[in-house]
Amino acid sequence: ELFSIHERFAEYYSFVKESFEEHNHTLTGMGINPYRK
């Protein structure tokens, strides 16, 4: 089922995103990286 997958994904994602933001990096939900250049 999807709920347990969502719960674990949300936990991992939140931890990683917050960690990156401590270094002025971030994560985003886009299919092509807008900062690729």
PDB file of all heavy atoms in Angstrom:
ATOM      1  N   GLU A   1       0.847  -1.191   0.000  1.00  0.00           N
ATOM      2  CA  GLU A   1       0.000   0.000   0.000  1.00  0.00           C
ATOM      3  C   GLU A   1       0.885   1.246   0.000  1.00  0.00           C
ATOM      4  O   GLU A   1       2.086   1.171   0.234  1.00  0.00           O
ATOM      5  CB  GLU A   1      -0.962  -0.008   1.189  1.00  0.00           C
ATOM      6  CG  GLU A   1      -0.351  -0.395   2.527  1.00  0.00           C
ATOM      7  CD  GLU A   1       0.405   0.728   3.185  1.00  0.00           C
ATOM      8  OE1 GLU A   1       0.076   1.906   2.903  1.00  0.00           O
ATOM      9  OE2 GLU A   1       1.322   0.452   3.964  1.00  0.00           O
ATOM     10  N   LEU A   2       0.251   2.397  -0.282  1.00  0.00           N
ATOM     11  CA  LEU A   2       0.998   3.620  -0.545  1.00  0.00           C
ATOM     12  C   LEU A   2       1.299   4.447   0.703  1.00  0.00           C
ATOM     13  O   LEU A   2       2.251   5.222   0.710  1.00  0.00           O
ATOM     14  CB  LEU A   2       0.232   4.497  -1.548  1.00  0.00           C
ATOM     15  CG  LEU A   2       0.108   3.955  -2.972  1.00  0.00           C
ATOM     16  CD1 LEU A   2      -0.744   4.887  -3.817  1.00  0.00           C
ATOM     17  CD2 LEU A   2       1.481   3.777  -3.604  1.00  0.00           C
ATOM     18  N   PHE A   3       0.502   4.315   1.746  1.00  0.00           N
ATOM     19  CA  PHE A   3       0.673   5.191   2.892  1.00  0.00           C
ATOM     20  C   PHE A   3       2.012   4.992   3.593  1.00  0.00           C
ATOM     21  O   PHE A   3       2.667   5.963   3.990  1.00  0.00           O
ATOM     22  CB  PHE A   3      -0.488   5.008   3.879  1.00  0.00           C
ATOM     23  CG  PHE A   3      -1.780   5.576   3.383  1.00  0.00           C
ATOM     24  CD1 PHE A   3      -2.768   4.743   2.872  1.00  0.00           C
ATOM     25  CD2 PHE A   3      -2.011   6.942   3.398  1.00  0.00           C
ATOM     26  CE1 PHE A   3      -3.961   5.260   2.403  1.00  0.00           C
ATOM     27  CE2 PHE A   3      -3.200   7.478   2.928  1.00  0.00           C
ATOM     28  CZ  PHE A   3      -4.184   6.629   2.421  1.00  0.00           C
ATOM     29  N   SER A   4       2.437   3.749   3.756  1.00  0.00           N
ATOM     30  CA  SER A   4       3.720   3.512   4.422  1.00  0.00           C
ATOM     31  C   SER A   4       4.875   3.994   3.557  1.00  0.00           C
ATOM     32  O   SER A   4       5.881   4.503   4.072  1.00  0.00           O
ATOM     33  CB  SER A   4       3.887   2.022   4.761  1.00  0.00           C
ATOM     34  OG  SER A   4       3.801   1.228   3.603  1.00  0.00           O
ATOM     35  N   ILE A   5       4.748   3.864   2.230  1.00  0.00           N
ATOM     36  CA  ILE A   5       5.776   4.391   1.336  1.00  0.00           C
ATOM     37  C   ILE A   5       5.844   5.906   1.470  1.00  0.00           C
ATOM     38  O   ILE A   5       6.925   6.493   1.600  1.00  0.00           O
ATOM     39  CB  ILE A   5       5.489   4.000  -0.130  1.00  0.00           C
ATOM     40  CG1 ILE A   5       5.592   2.482  -0.307  1.00  0.00           C
ATOM     41  CG2 ILE A   5       6.463   4.707  -1.073  1.00  0.00           C
ATOM     42  CD1 ILE A   5       5.247   2.003  -1.701  1.00  0.00           C
ATOM     43  N   HIS A   6       4.698   6.552   1.458  1.00  0.00           N
ATOM     44  CA  HIS A   6       4.659   8.013   1.578  1.00  0.00           C
ATOM     45  C   HIS A   6       5.267   8.471   2.897  1.00  0.00           C
ATOM     46  O   HIS A   6       6.032   9.452   2.927  1.00  0.00           O
ATOM     47  CB  HIS A   6       3.219   8.507   1.473  1.00  0.00           C
ATOM     48  CG  HIS A   6       3.084   9.983   1.673  1.00  0.00           C
ATOM     49  ND1 HIS A   6       2.749  10.544   2.889  1.00  0.00           N
ATOM     50  CD2 HIS A   6       3.258  11.033   0.824  1.00  0.00           C
ATOM     51  CE1 HIS A   6       2.720  11.853   2.783  1.00  0.00           C
ATOM     52  NE2 HIS A   6       3.019  12.187   1.540  1.00  0.00           N
ATOM     53  N   GLU A   7       4.951   7.780   3.965  1.00  0.00           N
ATOM     54  CA  GLU A   7       5.450   8.182   5.281  1.00  0.00           C
ATOM     55  C   GLU A   7       6.973   8.126   5.333  1.00  0.00           C
ATOM     56  O   GLU A   7       7.616   9.074   5.812  1.00  0.00           O
ATOM     57  CB  GLU A   7       4.852   7.276   6.357  1.00  0.00           C
ATOM     58  CG  GLU A   7       5.276   7.645   7.770  1.00  0.00           C
ATOM     59  CD  GLU A   7       4.654   6.744   8.820  1.00  0.00           C
ATOM     60  OE1 GLU A   7       3.874   5.834   8.459  1.00  0.00           O
ATOM     61  OE2 GLU A   7       4.957   6.932  10.018  1.00  0.00           O
ATOM     62  N   ARG A   8       7.550   7.045   4.834  1.00  0.00           N
ATOM     63  CA  ARG A   8       9.009   6.919   4.881  1.00  0.00           C
ATOM     64  C   ARG A   8       9.670   7.897   3.917  1.00  0.00           C
ATOM     65  O   ARG A   8      10.680   8.511   4.236  1.00  0.00           O
ATOM     66  CB  ARG A   8       9.435   5.478   4.564  1.00  0.00           C
ATOM     67  CG  ARG A   8       8.926   4.457   5.581  1.00  0.00           C
ATOM     68  CD  ARG A   8       9.770   3.191   5.607  1.00  0.00           C
ATOM     69  NE  ARG A   8       9.973   2.578   4.318  1.00  0.00           N
ATOM     70  CZ  ARG A   8       9.144   1.695   3.752  1.00  0.00           C
ATOM     71  NH1 ARG A   8       8.023   1.333   4.357  1.00  0.00           N
ATOM     72  NH2 ARG A   8       9.426   1.166   2.573  1.00  0.00           N
ATOM     73  N   PHE A   9       9.097   8.043   2.708  1.00  0.00           N
ATOM     74  CA  PHE A   9       9.657   8.995   1.754  1.00  0.00           C
ATOM     75  C   PHE A   9       9.656  10.403   2.339  1.00  0.00           C
ATOM     76  O   PHE A   9      10.651  11.142   2.242  1.00  0.00           O
ATOM     77  CB  PHE A   9       8.876   8.975   0.442  1.00  0.00           C
ATOM     78  CG  PHE A   9       9.168  10.148  -0.454  1.00  0.00           C
ATOM     79  CD1 PHE A   9      10.384  10.238  -1.121  1.00  0.00           C
ATOM     80  CD2 PHE A   9       8.249  11.186  -0.602  1.00  0.00           C
ATOM     81  CE1 PHE A   9      10.672  11.329  -1.933  1.00  0.00           C
ATOM     82  CE2 PHE A   9       8.528  12.276  -1.406  1.00  0.00           C
ATOM     83  CZ  PHE A   9       9.740  12.350  -2.073  1.00  0.00           C
ATOM     84  N   ALA A  10       8.538  10.806   2.933  1.00  0.00           N
ATOM     85  CA  ALA A  10       8.427  12.150   3.488  1.00  0.00           C
ATOM     86  C   ALA A  10       9.470  12.381   4.575  1.00  0.00           C
ATOM     87  O   ALA A  10      10.066  13.457   4.670  1.00  0.00           O
ATOM     88  CB  ALA A  10       7.025  12.369   4.051  1.00  0.00           C
ATOM     89  N   GLU A  11       9.721  11.357   5.383  1.00  0.00           N
ATOM     90  CA  GLU A  11      10.715  11.491   6.440  1.00  0.00           C
ATOM     91  C   GLU A  11      12.111  11.663   5.859  1.00  0.00           C
ATOM     92  O   GLU A  11      12.858  12.569   6.257  1.00  0.00           O
ATOM     93  CB  GLU A  11      10.668  10.268   7.360  1.00  0.00           C
ATOM     94  CG  GLU A  11      11.655  10.352   8.517  1.00  0.00           C
ATOM     95  CD  GLU A  11      11.587   9.151   9.444  1.00  0.00           C
ATOM     96  OE1 GLU A  11      10.699   8.285   9.258  1.00  0.00           O
ATOM     97  OE2 GLU A  11      12.444   9.060  10.352  1.00  0.00           O
ATOM     98  N   TYR A  12      12.478  10.814   4.916  1.00  0.00           N
ATOM     99  CA  TYR A  12      13.813  10.900   4.313  1.00  0.00           C
ATOM    100  C   TYR A  12      13.987  12.236   3.595  1.00  0.00           C
ATOM    101  O   TYR A  12      15.018  12.908   3.734  1.00  0.00           O
ATOM    102  CB  TYR A  12      14.032   9.771   3.298  1.00  0.00           C
ATOM    103  CG  TYR A  12      13.889   8.363   3.833  1.00  0.00           C
ATOM    104  CD1 TYR A  12      13.503   7.322   2.981  1.00  0.00           C
ATOM    105  CD2 TYR A  12      14.126   8.052   5.168  1.00  0.00           C
ATOM    106  CE1 TYR A  12      13.366   6.030   3.438  1.00  0.00           C
ATOM    107  CE2 TYR A  12      13.989   6.747   5.648  1.00  0.00           C
ATOM    108  CZ  TYR A  12      13.603   5.743   4.765  1.00  0.00           C
ATOM    109  OH  TYR A  12      13.463   4.453   5.216  1.00  0.00           O
ATOM    110  N   TYR A  13      12.980  12.581   2.779  1.00  0.00           N
ATOM    111  CA  TYR A  13      13.075  13.800   1.982  1.00  0.00           C
ATOM    112  C   TYR A  13      13.237  15.020   2.880  1.00  0.00           C
ATOM    113  O   TYR A  13      14.086  15.893   2.623  1.00  0.00           O
ATOM    114  CB  TYR A  13      11.839  13.955   1.098  1.00  0.00           C
ATOM    115  CG  TYR A  13      11.811  15.259   0.326  1.00  0.00           C
ATOM    116  CD1 TYR A  13      12.517  15.391  -0.866  1.00  0.00           C
ATOM    117  CD2 TYR A  13      11.106  16.370   0.810  1.00  0.00           C
ATOM    118  CE1 TYR A  13      12.507  16.591  -1.567  1.00  0.00           C
ATOM    119  CE2 TYR A  13      11.091  17.564   0.108  1.00  0.00           C
ATOM    120  CZ  TYR A  13      11.796  17.666  -1.078  1.00  0.00           C
ATOM    121  OH  TYR A  13      11.801  18.855  -1.759  1.00  0.00           O
ATOM    122  N   SER A  14      12.434  15.102   3.923  1.00  0.00           N
ATOM    123  CA  SER A  14      12.483  16.269   4.806  1.00  0.00           C
ATOM    124  C   SER A  14      13.848  16.394   5.466  1.00  0.00           C
ATOM    125  O   SER A  14      14.412  17.499   5.552  1.00  0.00           O
ATOM    126  CB  SER A  14      11.389  16.155   5.872  1.00  0.00           C
ATOM    127  OG  SER A  14      10.104  16.158   5.275  1.00  0.00           O
ATOM    128  N   PHE A  15      14.403  15.268   5.906  1.00  0.00           N
ATOM    129  CA  PHE A  15      15.713  15.298   6.545  1.00  0.00           C
ATOM    130  C   PHE A  15      16.785  15.768   5.557  1.00  0.00           C
ATOM    131  O   PHE A  15      17.620  16.632   5.880  1.00  0.00           O
ATOM    132  CB  PHE A  15      16.072  13.915   7.085  1.00  0.00           C
ATOM    133  CG  PHE A  15      17.428  13.849   7.737  1.00  0.00           C
ATOM    134  CD1 PHE A  15      17.589  14.185   9.082  1.00  0.00           C
ATOM    135  CD2 PHE A  15      18.551  13.465   7.020  1.00  0.00           C
ATOM    136  CE1 PHE A  15      18.841  14.148   9.686  1.00  0.00           C
ATOM    137  CE2 PHE A  15      19.801  13.420   7.609  1.00  0.00           C
ATOM    138  CZ  PHE A  15      19.949  13.768   8.951  1.00  0.00           C
ATOM    139  N   VAL A  16      16.775  15.211   4.362  1.00  0.00           N
ATOM    140  CA  VAL A  16      17.797  15.554   3.372  1.00  0.00           C
ATOM    141  C   VAL A  16      17.652  17.008   2.915  1.00  0.00           C
ATOM    142  O   VAL A  16      18.642  17.745   2.807  1.00  0.00           O
ATOM    143  CB  VAL A  16      17.727  14.588   2.166  1.00  0.00           C
ATOM    144  CG1 VAL A  16      18.647  15.056   1.045  1.00  0.00           C
ATOM    145  CG2 VAL A  16      18.097  13.174   2.590  1.00  0.00           C
ATOM    146  N   LYS A  17      16.431  17.442   2.655  1.00  0.00           N
ATOM    147  CA  LYS A  17      16.214  18.816   2.193  1.00  0.00           C
ATOM    148  C   LYS A  17      16.662  19.821   3.252  1.00  0.00           C
ATOM    149  O   LYS A  17      17.356  20.804   2.943  1.00  0.00           O
ATOM    150  CB  LYS A  17      14.749  19.032   1.850  1.00  0.00           C
ATOM    151  CG  LYS A  17      14.428  20.420   1.275  1.00  0.00           C
ATOM    152  CD  LYS A  17      12.997  20.455   0.754  1.00  0.00           C
ATOM    153  CE  LYS A  17      12.672  21.786   0.089  1.00  0.00           C
ATOM    154  NZ  LYS A  17      12.438  22.848   1.071  1.00  0.00           N
ATOM    155  N   GLU A  18      16.272  19.583   4.499  1.00  0.00           N
ATOM    156  CA  GLU A  18      16.692  20.485   5.570  1.00  0.00           C
ATOM    157  C   GLU A  18      18.206  20.509   5.717  1.00  0.00           C
ATOM    158  O   GLU A  18      18.802  21.567   5.970  1.00  0.00           O
ATOM    159  CB  GLU A  18      16.032  20.064   6.882  1.00  0.00           C
ATOM    160  CG  GLU A  18      14.530  20.327   6.922  1.00  0.00           C
ATOM    161  CD  GLU A  18      13.862  19.698   8.130  1.00  0.00           C
ATOM    162  OE1 GLU A  18      14.594  19.203   9.023  1.00  0.00           O
ATOM    163  OE2 GLU A  18      12.604  19.693   8.189  1.00  0.00           O
ATOM    164  N   SER A  19      18.834  19.360   5.518  1.00  0.00           N
ATOM    165  CA  SER A  19      20.293  19.291   5.617  1.00  0.00           C
ATOM    166  C   SER A  19      20.953  20.089   4.503  1.00  0.00           C
ATOM    167  O   SER A  19      21.930  20.822   4.729  1.00  0.00           O
ATOM    168  CB  SER A  19      20.757  17.829   5.578  1.00  0.00           C
ATOM    169  OG  SER A  19      20.237  17.100   6.671  1.00  0.00           O
ATOM    170  N   PHE A  20      20.423  19.982   3.291  1.00  0.00           N
ATOM    171  CA  PHE A  20      20.973  20.754   2.174  1.00  0.00           C
ATOM    172  C   PHE A  20      20.767  22.248   2.391  1.00  0.00           C
ATOM    173  O   PHE A  20      21.638  23.058   2.046  1.00  0.00           O
ATOM    174  CB  PHE A  20      20.334  20.310   0.856  1.00  0.00           C
ATOM    175  CG  PHE A  20      21.074  19.204   0.159  1.00  0.00           C
ATOM    176  CD1 PHE A  20      20.504  17.942   0.021  1.00  0.00           C
ATOM    177  CD2 PHE A  20      22.340  19.405  -0.357  1.00  0.00           C
ATOM    178  CE1 PHE A  20      21.176  16.917  -0.617  1.00  0.00           C
ATOM    179  CE2 PHE A  20      23.031  18.389  -1.005  1.00  0.00           C
ATOM    180  CZ  PHE A  20      22.444  17.139  -1.130  1.00  0.00           C
ATOM    181  N   GLU A  21      19.647  22.624   2.955  1.00  0.00           N
ATOM    182  CA  GLU A  21      19.360  24.051   3.119  1.00  0.00           C
ATOM    183  C   GLU A  21      20.283  24.713   4.137  1.00  0.00           C
ATOM    184  O   GLU A  21      20.451  25.938   4.104  1.00  0.00           O
ATOM    185  CB  GLU A  21      17.885  24.231   3.471  1.00  0.00           C
ATOM    186  CG  GLU A  21      16.997  23.939   2.261  1.00  0.00           C
ATOM    187  CD  GLU A  21      15.506  24.043   2.538  1.00  0.00           C
ATOM    188  OE1 GLU A  21      15.121  24.090   3.730  1.00  0.00           O
ATOM    189  OE2 GLU A  21      14.731  24.061   1.556  1.00  0.00           O
ATOM    190  N   GLU A  22      20.895  23.927   5.001  1.00  0.00           N
ATOM    191  CA  GLU A  22      21.910  24.478   5.896  1.00  0.00           C
ATOM    192  C   GLU A  22      23.133  24.971   5.126  1.00  0.00           C
ATOM    193  O   GLU A  22      23.945  25.744   5.644  1.00  0.00           O
ATOM    194  CB  GLU A  22      22.326  23.423   6.916  1.00  0.00           C
ATOM    195  CG  GLU A  22      21.220  23.051   7.907  1.00  0.00           C
ATOM    196  CD  GLU A  22      21.606  21.876   8.790  1.00  0.00           C
ATOM    197  OE1 GLU A  22      22.776  21.395   8.667  1.00  0.00           O
ATOM    198  OE2 GLU A  22      20.767  21.439   9.595  1.00  0.00           O
ATOM    199  N   HIS A  23      23.265  24.529   3.874  1.00  0.00           N
ATOM    200  CA  HIS A  23      24.401  24.909   3.011  1.00  0.00           C
ATOM    201  C   HIS A  23      23.929  25.728   1.809  1.00  0.00           C
ATOM    202  O   HIS A  23      24.633  25.813   0.798  1.00  0.00           O
ATOM    203  CB  HIS A  23      25.131  23.649   2.534  1.00  0.00           C
ATOM    204  CG  HIS A  23      25.666  22.793   3.647  1.00  0.00           C
ATOM    205  ND1 HIS A  23      26.920  22.984   4.194  1.00  0.00           N
ATOM    206  CD2 HIS A  23      25.092  21.762   4.329  1.00  0.00           C
ATOM    207  CE1 HIS A  23      27.114  22.084   5.151  1.00  0.00           C
ATOM    208  NE2 HIS A  23      26.024  21.333   5.248  1.00  0.00           N
ATOM    209  N   ASN A  24      22.743  26.322   1.920  1.00  0.00           N
ATOM    210  CA  ASN A  24      22.138  27.101   0.841  1.00  0.00           C
ATOM    211  C   ASN A  24      21.969  26.304  -0.450  1.00  0.00           C
ATOM    212  O   ASN A  24      22.054  26.847  -1.557  1.00  0.00           O
ATOM    213  CB  ASN A  24      22.913  28.395   0.557  1.00  0.00           C
ATOM    214  CG  ASN A  24      21.979  29.492   0.033  1.00  0.00           C
ATOM    215  OD1 ASN A  24      20.814  29.565   0.413  1.00  0.00           O
ATOM    216  ND2 ASN A  24      22.503  30.334  -0.848  1.00  0.00           N
ATOM    217  N   HIS A  25      21.740  25.009  -0.283  1.00  0.00           N
ATOM    218  CA  HIS A  25      21.303  24.138  -1.366  1.00  0.00           C
ATOM    219  C   HIS A  25      19.857  23.743  -1.053  1.00  0.00           C
ATOM    220  O   HIS A  25      19.376  23.931   0.051  1.00  0.00           O
ATOM    221  CB  HIS A  25      22.156  22.872  -1.447  1.00  0.00           C
ATOM    222  CG  HIS A  25      23.526  23.069  -2.011  1.00  0.00           C
ATOM    223  ND1 HIS A  25      24.416  23.994  -1.505  1.00  0.00           N
ATOM    224  CD2 HIS A  25      24.181  22.434  -3.031  1.00  0.00           C
ATOM    225  CE1 HIS A  25      25.559  23.926  -2.183  1.00  0.00           C
ATOM    226  NE2 HIS A  25      25.433  22.991  -3.124  1.00  0.00           N
ATOM    227  N   THR A  26      19.175  23.178  -2.041  1.00  0.00           N
ATOM    228  CA  THR A  26      17.833  22.682  -1.783  1.00  0.00           C
ATOM    229  C   THR A  26      17.493  21.578  -2.768  1.00  0.00           C
ATOM    230  O   THR A  26      18.287  21.250  -3.667  1.00  0.00           O
ATOM    231  CB  THR A  26      16.785  23.825  -1.867  1.00  0.00           C
ATOM    232  OG1 THR A  26      15.555  23.375  -1.292  1.00  0.00           O
ATOM    233  CG2 THR A  26      16.557  24.289  -3.299  1.00  0.00           C
ATOM    234  N   LEU A  27      16.317  20.995  -2.606  1.00  0.00           N
ATOM    235  CA  LEU A  27      15.774  19.998  -3.524  1.00  0.00           C
ATOM    236  C   LEU A  27      14.468  20.546  -4.093  1.00  0.00           C
ATOM    237  O   LEU A  27      13.780  21.334  -3.444  1.00  0.00           O
ATOM    238  CB  LEU A  27      15.489  18.675  -2.795  1.00  0.00           C
ATOM    239  CG  LEU A  27      16.626  18.037  -2.002  1.00  0.00           C
ATOM    240  CD1 LEU A  27      16.143  16.741  -1.344  1.00  0.00           C
ATOM    241  CD2 LEU A  27      17.830  17.758  -2.890  1.00  0.00           C
ATOM    242  N   THR A  28      14.115  20.117  -5.299  1.00  0.00           N
ATOM    243  CA  THR A  28      12.860  20.571  -5.890  1.00  0.00           C
ATOM    244  C   THR A  28      12.275  19.496  -6.786  1.00  0.00           C
ATOM    245  O   THR A  28      13.001  18.652  -7.325  1.00  0.00           O
ATOM    246  CB  THR A  28      13.051  21.873  -6.687  1.00  0.00           C
ATOM    247  OG1 THR A  28      11.776  22.422  -6.994  1.00  0.00           O
ATOM    248  CG2 THR A  28      13.835  21.641  -7.972  1.00  0.00           C
ATOM    249  N   GLY A  29      10.960  19.532  -6.942  1.00  0.00           N
ATOM    250  CA  GLY A  29      10.268  18.535  -7.750  1.00  0.00           C
ATOM    251  C   GLY A  29      10.077  18.958  -9.177  1.00  0.00           C
ATOM    252  O   GLY A  29       8.969  19.299  -9.610  1.00  0.00           O
ATOM    253  N   MET A  30      11.151  18.935  -9.944  1.00  0.00           N
ATOM    254  CA  MET A  30      11.103  19.308 -11.358  1.00  0.00           C
ATOM    255  C   MET A  30      11.833  18.243 -12.173  1.00  0.00           C
ATOM    256  O   MET A  30      12.855  17.707 -11.736  1.00  0.00           O
ATOM    257  CB  MET A  30      11.731  20.690 -11.573  1.00  0.00           C
ATOM    258  CG  MET A  30      11.032  21.797 -10.776  1.00  0.00           C
ATOM    259  SD  MET A  30      11.875  23.398 -10.796  1.00  0.00           S
ATOM    260  CE  MET A  30      11.427  23.980 -12.428  1.00  0.00           C
ATOM    261  N   GLY A  31      11.308  17.959 -13.367  1.00  0.00           N
ATOM    262  CA  GLY A  31      11.871  16.891 -14.184  1.00  0.00           C
ATOM    263  C   GLY A  31      13.151  17.249 -14.899  1.00  0.00           C
ATOM    264  O   GLY A  31      13.884  16.372 -15.347  1.00  0.00           O
ATOM    265  N   ILE A  32      13.437  18.545 -15.026  1.00  0.00           N
ATOM    266  CA  ILE A  32      14.727  19.006 -15.553  1.00  0.00           C
ATOM    267  C   ILE A  32      15.248  20.067 -14.599  1.00  0.00           C
ATOM    268  O   ILE A  32      14.530  20.997 -14.226  1.00  0.00           O
ATOM    269  CB  ILE A  32      14.605  19.560 -16.981  1.00  0.00           C
ATOM    270  CG1 ILE A  32      14.318  18.422 -17.966  1.00  0.00           C
ATOM    271  CG2 ILE A  32      15.885  20.283 -17.393  1.00  0.00           C
ATOM    272  CD1 ILE A  32      14.225  18.863 -19.422  1.00  0.00           C
ATOM    273  N   ASN A  33      16.499  19.921 -14.206  1.00  0.00           N
ATOM    274  CA  ASN A  33      17.109  20.841 -13.247  1.00  0.00           C
ATOM    275  C   ASN A  33      17.195  22.246 -13.857  1.00  0.00           C
ATOM    276  O   ASN A  33      17.879  22.446 -14.865  1.00  0.00           O
ATOM    277  CB  ASN A  33      18.510  20.345 -12.879  1.00  0.00           C
ATOM    278  CG  ASN A  33      19.117  21.086 -11.699  1.00  0.00           C
ATOM    279  OD1 ASN A  33      18.920  22.282 -11.540  1.00  0.00           O
ATOM    280  ND2 ASN A  33      19.860  20.373 -10.882  1.00  0.00           N
ATOM    281  N   PRO A  34      16.492  23.228 -13.275  1.00  0.00           N
ATOM    282  CA  PRO A  34      16.505  24.576 -13.861  1.00  0.00           C
ATOM    283  C   PRO A  34      17.849  25.286 -13.698  1.00  0.00           C
ATOM    284  O   PRO A  34      18.083  26.298 -14.358  1.00  0.00           O
ATOM    285  CB  PRO A  34      15.406  25.295 -13.075  1.00  0.00           C
ATOM    286  CG  PRO A  34      15.366  24.591 -11.763  1.00  0.00           C
ATOM    287  CD  PRO A  34      15.672  23.152 -12.064  1.00  0.00           C
ATOM    288  N   TYR A  35      18.702  24.757 -12.827  1.00  0.00           N
ATOM    289  CA  TYR A  35      20.040  25.333 -12.614  1.00  0.00           C
ATOM    290  C   TYR A  35      21.135  24.477 -13.257  1.00  0.00           C
ATOM    291  O   TYR A  35      22.297  24.577 -12.888  1.00  0.00           O
ATOM    292  CB  TYR A  35      20.322  25.458 -11.116  1.00  0.00           C
ATOM    293  CG  TYR A  35      19.796  26.713 -10.448  1.00  0.00           C
ATOM    294  CD1 TYR A  35      18.831  27.517 -11.055  1.00  0.00           C
ATOM    295  CD2 TYR A  35      20.271  27.101  -9.205  1.00  0.00           C
ATOM    296  CE1 TYR A  35      18.344  28.657 -10.438  1.00  0.00           C
ATOM    297  CE2 TYR A  35      19.800  28.247  -8.573  1.00  0.00           C
ATOM    298  CZ  TYR A  35      18.840  29.019  -9.197  1.00  0.00           C
ATOM    299  OH  TYR A  35      18.367  30.146  -8.584  1.00  0.00           O
ATOM    300  N   ARG A  36      20.761  23.666 -14.236  1.00  0.00           N
ATOM    301  CA  ARG A  36      21.726  22.725 -14.819  1.00  0.00           C
ATOM    302  C   ARG A  36      22.954  23.433 -15.393  1.00  0.00           C
ATOM    303  O   ARG A  36      24.054  22.885 -15.398  1.00  0.00           O
ATOM    304  CB  ARG A  36      21.053  21.877 -15.899  1.00  0.00           C
ATOM    305  CG  ARG A  36      20.617  22.678 -17.101  1.00  0.00           C
ATOM    306  CD  ARG A  36      19.682  21.936 -18.032  1.00  0.00           C
ATOM    307  NE  ARG A  36      19.278  22.824 -19.125  1.00  0.00           N
ATOM    308  CZ  ARG A  36      18.332  23.739 -19.015  1.00  0.00           C
ATOM    309  NH1 ARG A  36      17.697  23.894 -17.879  1.00  0.00           N
ATOM    310  NH2 ARG A  36      18.028  24.516 -20.038  1.00  0.00           N
ATOM    311  N   LYS A  37      22.775  24.670 -15.900  1.00  0.00           N
ATOM    312  CA  LYS A  37      23.887  25.380 -16.546  1.00  0.00           C
ATOM    313  C   LYS A  37      24.983  25.741 -15.553  1.00  0.00           C
ATOM    314  O   LYS A  37      26.120  26.011 -15.947  1.00  0.00           O
ATOM    315  CB  LYS A  37      23.394  26.626 -17.265  1.00  0.00           C
ATOM    316  CG  LYS A  37      22.888  27.739 -16.360  1.00  0.00           C
ATOM    317  CD  LYS A  37      22.426  28.939 -17.179  1.00  0.00           C
ATOM    318  CE  LYS A  37      21.944  30.073 -16.293  1.00  0.00           C
ATOM    319  NZ  LYS A  37      21.491  31.243 -17.083  1.00  0.00           N
TER     320      LYS A  37
END
